[in-house]
N, C-alpha and C. Protein backbone atom coordinates (compact mmCIF):
# COMPACT_ATOMS: atom_id res chain seq x y z
N UNK A 1 -79.37 139.77 -177.43
CA UNK A 1 -79.80 138.57 -178.36
C UNK A 1 -79.54 137.44 -177.85
N UNK A 2 -78.57 137.09 -176.87
CA UNK A 2 -78.59 135.80 -176.56
C UNK A 2 -79.75 135.29 -175.64
N UNK A 3 -80.31 136.15 -175.08
CA UNK A 3 -81.48 135.93 -174.50
C UNK A 3 -82.60 135.69 -175.42
N UNK A 4 -82.67 136.31 -176.43
CA UNK A 4 -83.69 135.96 -177.33
C UNK A 4 -83.59 134.89 -177.97
N UNK A 5 -82.29 134.64 -178.52
CA UNK A 5 -81.88 133.16 -179.12
C UNK A 5 -82.21 132.07 -178.26
N UNK A 6 -81.86 132.13 -177.03
CA UNK A 6 -81.94 130.87 -176.05
C UNK A 6 -83.47 130.65 -175.77
N UNK A 7 -84.35 131.61 -175.45
CA UNK A 7 -85.80 131.80 -175.27
C UNK A 7 -86.72 131.48 -176.56
N UNK A 8 -86.35 132.03 -177.69
CA UNK A 8 -87.23 132.40 -178.61
C UNK A 8 -87.02 131.45 -179.95
N UNK A 9 -85.85 130.78 -179.86
CA UNK A 9 -85.43 129.83 -180.90
C UNK A 9 -86.06 128.51 -180.57
N UNK A 10 -86.08 128.06 -179.14
CA UNK A 10 -86.59 126.87 -178.95
C UNK A 10 -88.21 126.74 -178.59
N UNK A 11 -88.50 126.40 -180.03
CA UNK A 11 -89.94 126.17 -180.18
C UNK A 11 -89.98 124.72 -180.38
N UNK A 12 -90.14 123.99 -179.60
CA UNK A 12 -90.19 122.44 -179.45
C UNK A 12 -91.29 122.08 -180.27
N UNK A 13 -90.88 120.90 -181.12
CA UNK A 13 -91.74 120.09 -181.82
C UNK A 13 -92.45 120.93 -182.87
N UNK A 14 -92.05 122.21 -183.15
CA UNK A 14 -92.74 122.83 -184.38
C UNK A 14 -92.57 122.12 -185.84
N UNK A 15 -91.62 121.44 -185.73
CA UNK A 15 -91.63 120.84 -187.13
C UNK A 15 -92.60 119.86 -187.26
N UNK A 16 -93.44 119.40 -186.20
CA UNK A 16 -94.18 118.38 -186.34
C UNK A 16 -95.82 119.06 -186.50
N UNK A 17 -95.78 120.22 -186.52
CA UNK A 17 -97.02 121.21 -186.24
C UNK A 17 -97.75 121.02 -187.63
N UNK A 18 -98.80 120.66 -187.84
CA UNK A 18 -99.57 120.31 -189.29
C UNK A 18 -100.91 120.92 -189.12
N UNK A 19 -101.44 120.85 -188.21
CA UNK A 19 -102.85 121.32 -188.03
C UNK A 19 -103.00 122.76 -187.12
N UNK A 20 -103.03 123.73 -187.88
CA UNK A 20 -103.33 124.90 -187.32
C UNK A 20 -103.67 126.24 -188.40
N UNK A 21 -104.56 127.00 -187.99
CA UNK A 21 -105.14 128.11 -189.02
C UNK A 21 -103.64 128.99 -189.09
N UNK A 22 -103.71 129.40 -190.56
CA UNK A 22 -102.95 130.63 -190.92
C UNK A 22 -102.85 131.92 -189.96
N UNK A 23 -104.28 132.22 -189.62
CA UNK A 23 -104.38 133.33 -188.47
C UNK A 23 -103.49 132.92 -187.00
N UNK A 24 -103.64 131.51 -186.59
CA UNK A 24 -103.02 131.45 -185.54
C UNK A 24 -101.36 131.67 -185.64
N UNK A 25 -100.92 131.06 -186.88
CA UNK A 25 -99.48 131.42 -187.08
C UNK A 25 -99.17 132.94 -187.28
N UNK A 26 -99.87 133.44 -187.91
CA UNK A 26 -99.89 134.93 -187.86
C UNK A 26 -99.74 135.54 -186.57
N UNK A 27 -100.49 135.15 -185.48
CA UNK A 27 -100.51 135.84 -184.38
C UNK A 27 -99.11 135.47 -183.46
N UNK A 28 -98.66 134.32 -183.69
CA UNK A 28 -97.36 133.69 -183.07
C UNK A 28 -96.31 134.61 -183.73
N UNK A 29 -96.12 134.82 -185.03
CA UNK A 29 -95.18 135.63 -185.73
C UNK A 29 -95.22 137.10 -185.08
N UNK A 30 -96.38 137.69 -184.90
CA UNK A 30 -96.53 138.99 -184.13
C UNK A 30 -95.81 138.79 -182.84
N UNK A 31 -96.32 137.92 -181.97
CA UNK A 31 -95.52 137.86 -180.80
C UNK A 31 -94.25 137.69 -180.59
N UNK A 32 -93.62 136.85 -181.75
CA UNK A 32 -92.33 136.87 -181.83
C UNK A 32 -91.39 138.12 -182.26
N UNK A 33 -92.36 138.82 -183.24
CA UNK A 33 -91.66 140.16 -183.66
C UNK A 33 -91.54 141.10 -182.50
N UNK A 34 -92.58 141.07 -181.62
CA UNK A 34 -93.05 142.00 -180.54
C UNK A 34 -91.75 141.90 -179.50
N UNK A 35 -91.45 140.68 -179.29
CA UNK A 35 -90.76 140.33 -178.05
C UNK A 35 -89.20 141.00 -178.38
N UNK A 36 -88.81 140.48 -179.83
CA UNK A 36 -87.37 141.17 -180.05
C UNK A 36 -87.58 142.57 -180.14
N UNK A 37 -88.60 143.38 -180.36
CA UNK A 37 -88.86 144.67 -180.36
C UNK A 37 -88.68 145.07 -178.84
N UNK A 38 -89.22 144.62 -177.97
CA UNK A 38 -89.19 144.89 -176.60
C UNK A 38 -88.01 144.76 -176.02
N UNK A 39 -87.28 143.63 -176.22
CA UNK A 39 -85.77 143.63 -175.90
C UNK A 39 -85.00 144.62 -176.00
N UNK A 40 -85.06 144.97 -177.55
CA UNK A 40 -84.08 146.25 -178.14
C UNK A 40 -85.00 147.60 -177.98
N UNK A 41 -86.01 147.62 -177.11
CA UNK A 41 -86.55 148.95 -176.70
C UNK A 41 -87.08 149.72 -178.14
N UNK A 42 -87.51 149.12 -178.92
CA UNK A 42 -87.88 149.70 -180.21
C UNK A 42 -89.30 149.67 -180.15
N UNK A 43 -90.00 150.92 -181.07
CA UNK A 43 -91.39 151.04 -181.00
C UNK A 43 -92.20 149.64 -181.80
N UNK A 44 -93.19 149.63 -181.34
CA UNK A 44 -94.14 148.41 -181.96
C UNK A 44 -94.12 148.61 -183.45
N UNK A 45 -94.39 149.75 -183.87
CA UNK A 45 -94.55 149.96 -185.30
C UNK A 45 -93.30 150.07 -186.17
N UNK A 46 -91.91 149.75 -185.78
CA UNK A 46 -90.96 149.79 -186.48
C UNK A 46 -90.85 148.32 -187.24
N UNK A 47 -90.05 148.31 -188.28
CA UNK A 47 -89.75 147.20 -189.10
C UNK A 47 -89.15 146.22 -188.24
N UNK A 48 -89.77 144.83 -188.22
CA UNK A 48 -89.62 143.78 -187.80
C UNK A 48 -88.26 143.14 -188.47
N UNK A 49 -88.52 142.99 -190.00
CA UNK A 49 -87.45 142.61 -190.55
C UNK A 49 -86.20 143.26 -190.47
N UNK A 50 -86.27 144.53 -190.38
CA UNK A 50 -84.98 145.35 -190.27
C UNK A 50 -84.25 145.04 -188.87
N UNK A 51 -85.13 144.77 -188.03
CA UNK A 51 -84.71 144.50 -186.34
C UNK A 51 -83.89 143.21 -186.39
N UNK A 52 -84.52 142.33 -187.23
CA UNK A 52 -83.71 140.77 -187.29
C UNK A 52 -82.68 141.01 -187.93
N UNK A 53 -82.65 141.60 -189.16
CA UNK A 53 -81.48 141.59 -189.86
C UNK A 53 -80.32 142.36 -189.25
N UNK A 54 -80.56 143.50 -188.58
CA UNK A 54 -79.61 144.33 -187.82
C UNK A 54 -78.82 143.91 -186.79
N UNK A 55 -79.74 142.75 -186.07
CA UNK A 55 -79.19 142.09 -184.94
C UNK A 55 -78.59 140.79 -184.95
N UNK A 56 -78.79 140.11 -186.53
CA UNK A 56 -78.12 138.82 -186.58
C UNK A 56 -79.06 137.83 -185.94
N UNK A 57 -80.32 137.97 -185.95
CA UNK A 57 -81.28 136.95 -185.28
C UNK A 57 -82.43 136.48 -186.36
N UNK A 58 -82.79 135.28 -186.22
CA UNK A 58 -83.47 134.64 -187.28
C UNK A 58 -84.83 134.90 -186.84
N UNK A 59 -85.85 135.10 -187.98
CA UNK A 59 -87.26 135.44 -187.59
C UNK A 59 -87.87 134.07 -187.35
N UNK A 60 -89.21 133.91 -187.14
CA UNK A 60 -89.99 132.57 -186.90
C UNK A 60 -89.78 131.70 -187.96
N UNK A 61 -89.87 132.49 -189.34
CA UNK A 61 -89.92 131.31 -190.66
C UNK A 61 -88.74 130.81 -190.77
N UNK A 62 -87.72 131.22 -190.64
CA UNK A 62 -86.24 130.84 -190.71
C UNK A 62 -86.15 129.69 -189.77
N UNK A 63 -86.56 129.99 -188.65
CA UNK A 63 -86.23 129.03 -187.25
C UNK A 63 -87.10 127.97 -187.71
N UNK A 64 -88.43 127.85 -188.11
CA UNK A 64 -89.46 126.93 -188.46
C UNK A 64 -88.52 126.20 -189.44
N UNK A 65 -88.04 126.83 -190.62
CA UNK A 65 -87.58 125.95 -191.56
C UNK A 65 -86.30 125.20 -191.38
N UNK A 66 -85.57 125.93 -190.42
CA UNK A 66 -84.40 125.00 -189.78
C UNK A 66 -84.59 123.84 -189.26
N UNK A 67 -85.86 124.04 -188.24
CA UNK A 67 -85.98 122.63 -187.66
C UNK A 67 -86.78 121.45 -188.36
N UNK A 68 -87.73 122.14 -189.49
CA UNK A 68 -88.18 121.23 -190.55
C UNK A 68 -87.27 120.39 -191.33
N UNK A 69 -86.32 121.31 -191.84
CA UNK A 69 -84.99 120.74 -192.73
C UNK A 69 -84.41 119.79 -192.02
N UNK A 70 -84.11 119.97 -190.70
CA UNK A 70 -83.20 119.20 -189.84
C UNK A 70 -83.93 117.70 -189.48
N UNK A 71 -85.13 117.88 -189.05
CA UNK A 71 -86.06 116.75 -188.80
C UNK A 71 -86.26 115.81 -190.11
N UNK A 72 -86.54 116.58 -191.28
CA UNK A 72 -86.96 115.73 -192.35
C UNK A 72 -85.53 115.12 -192.94
N UNK A 73 -84.49 115.93 -192.96
CA UNK A 73 -83.23 115.20 -193.19
C UNK A 73 -82.96 113.96 -192.41
N UNK A 74 -83.13 114.13 -191.33
CA UNK A 74 -82.94 112.68 -190.16
C UNK A 74 -84.01 111.62 -190.49
N UNK A 75 -85.23 112.04 -190.90
CA UNK A 75 -86.04 111.04 -191.18
C UNK A 75 -85.61 110.29 -192.52
N UNK A 76 -85.30 111.06 -193.47
CA UNK A 76 -84.85 110.66 -195.01
C UNK A 76 -83.54 109.80 -194.90
N UNK A 77 -82.61 110.07 -193.93
CA UNK A 77 -81.48 109.14 -193.91
C UNK A 77 -81.50 108.42 -192.91
N UNK A 78 -82.44 108.04 -192.15
CA UNK A 78 -82.52 106.92 -191.15
C UNK A 78 -82.48 105.62 -191.43
N UNK A 79 -81.86 104.88 -191.01
CA UNK A 79 -81.63 103.37 -191.33
C UNK A 79 -82.64 102.56 -190.51
N UNK A 80 -83.13 102.94 -189.41
CA UNK A 80 -83.91 102.51 -188.65
C UNK A 80 -85.24 101.82 -189.23
N UNK A 81 -85.44 100.53 -188.78
CA UNK A 81 -86.60 99.89 -189.69
C UNK A 81 -87.99 100.37 -189.25
N UNK A 82 -88.37 101.10 -188.20
CA UNK A 82 -89.48 101.70 -187.99
C UNK A 82 -89.61 102.99 -188.79
N UNK A 83 -88.57 103.84 -188.42
CA UNK A 83 -88.65 105.08 -189.24
C UNK A 83 -88.83 104.90 -190.95
N UNK A 84 -87.87 103.79 -191.46
CA UNK A 84 -88.30 103.56 -192.83
C UNK A 84 -89.41 103.02 -193.23
N UNK A 85 -90.19 102.14 -192.41
CA UNK A 85 -91.60 101.81 -192.69
C UNK A 85 -92.71 102.92 -192.82
N UNK A 86 -92.33 103.88 -191.67
CA UNK A 86 -93.25 105.11 -191.83
C UNK A 86 -92.83 105.95 -193.05
N UNK A 87 -91.61 106.00 -193.31
CA UNK A 87 -91.26 106.98 -194.40
C UNK A 87 -91.77 106.36 -195.74
N UNK A 88 -91.88 105.27 -195.84
CA UNK A 88 -92.37 104.69 -197.18
C UNK A 88 -93.76 104.30 -197.05
N UNK A 89 -94.56 104.91 -195.94
CA UNK A 89 -96.15 104.57 -195.92
C UNK A 89 -96.62 105.93 -196.81
N UNK A 90 -98.01 105.82 -197.29
CA UNK A 90 -98.59 106.78 -197.79
C UNK A 90 -99.07 107.81 -196.96
N UNK A 91 -99.09 107.59 -195.73
CA UNK A 91 -99.35 108.35 -194.59
C UNK A 91 -98.27 109.42 -194.33
N UNK A 92 -97.14 109.05 -194.44
CA UNK A 92 -95.92 110.15 -194.71
C UNK A 92 -95.80 110.70 -195.88
N UNK A 93 -95.97 110.00 -196.90
CA UNK A 93 -95.67 110.56 -198.32
C UNK A 93 -96.71 111.70 -198.66
N UNK A 94 -97.92 111.46 -198.43
CA UNK A 94 -99.10 112.24 -198.68
C UNK A 94 -99.70 113.05 -197.46
N UNK A 95 -99.39 112.73 -196.47
CA UNK A 95 -100.01 113.28 -195.05
C UNK A 95 -99.79 114.96 -194.91
N UNK A 96 -100.39 115.20 -194.04
CA UNK A 96 -100.52 116.80 -193.68
C UNK A 96 -98.97 117.46 -193.27
N UNK A 97 -98.51 116.36 -192.45
CA UNK A 97 -96.88 116.88 -191.91
C UNK A 97 -95.99 116.93 -193.29
N UNK A 98 -95.97 116.30 -194.19
CA UNK A 98 -95.28 116.14 -195.20
C UNK A 98 -95.64 117.63 -196.25
N UNK A 99 -96.83 117.61 -196.27
CA UNK A 99 -97.33 118.86 -197.13
C UNK A 99 -96.96 120.18 -196.16
N UNK A 100 -97.01 120.18 -195.22
CA UNK A 100 -96.53 121.62 -194.36
C UNK A 100 -95.02 121.73 -194.58
N UNK A 101 -94.32 120.43 -194.63
CA UNK A 101 -92.90 120.80 -194.72
C UNK A 101 -92.43 121.18 -196.16
N UNK A 102 -93.04 120.51 -197.37
CA UNK A 102 -92.83 121.10 -198.33
C UNK A 102 -93.38 122.65 -198.65
N UNK A 103 -94.30 122.91 -197.90
CA UNK A 103 -94.87 124.17 -198.17
C UNK A 103 -93.83 125.18 -197.45
N UNK A 104 -93.05 124.90 -196.39
CA UNK A 104 -92.12 125.51 -195.77
C UNK A 104 -90.73 125.53 -196.51
N UNK A 105 -90.41 124.62 -197.02
CA UNK A 105 -89.16 124.43 -197.60
C UNK A 105 -89.09 124.78 -198.95
N UNK A 106 -90.08 124.89 -199.56
CA UNK A 106 -89.98 124.95 -201.06
C UNK A 106 -91.27 126.15 -201.54
N UNK A 107 -90.78 127.58 -201.05
CA UNK A 107 -91.66 128.50 -201.00
C UNK A 107 -91.98 129.00 -202.47
N UNK A 108 -93.04 129.12 -202.90
CA UNK A 108 -93.46 129.26 -204.52
C UNK A 108 -93.77 130.66 -204.57
N UNK A 109 -93.05 131.38 -205.51
CA UNK A 109 -93.33 132.67 -205.92
C UNK A 109 -94.64 132.71 -206.80
N UNK A 110 -95.61 133.27 -206.34
CA UNK A 110 -96.77 133.37 -207.10
C UNK A 110 -97.01 134.81 -207.78
N UNK A 111 -97.03 134.78 -209.05
CA UNK A 111 -97.11 136.29 -209.65
C UNK A 111 -96.13 136.63 -210.50
C-alpha cells in the first residue's frame, strides 16, 4: 500500500485541472482502480470501492478533493498582494477552476 500511496497519490497540479472531458476523468479513475487491483492481485471485475476501503487507501475522487481543498484554503488565507488581487478578480470568482473546485468540494445529491 505504501507503493500505491507514494506513486498514485502524487497527481501533480490536479487541483488546477479545469478543462477536461468527463470521459477522460472516468478513464483516469478506471486506470487508478486497476492499478490498486493489480497490486493486490485482485480480479479486474471485483469492487474497487471495497478494495480501497479494506486497504485504507483513498480513491481518486478523495485524492483530488484533498488537493483542491488544500490549494483553495491556501489561496483564501494568503496575504500575498498578487494572490489577493487574483482572488478578488472576476476571473477567479467566476472562472472554470473555481467552478470545478466547487463541484468537487460540494457534491450535490440529485434526486
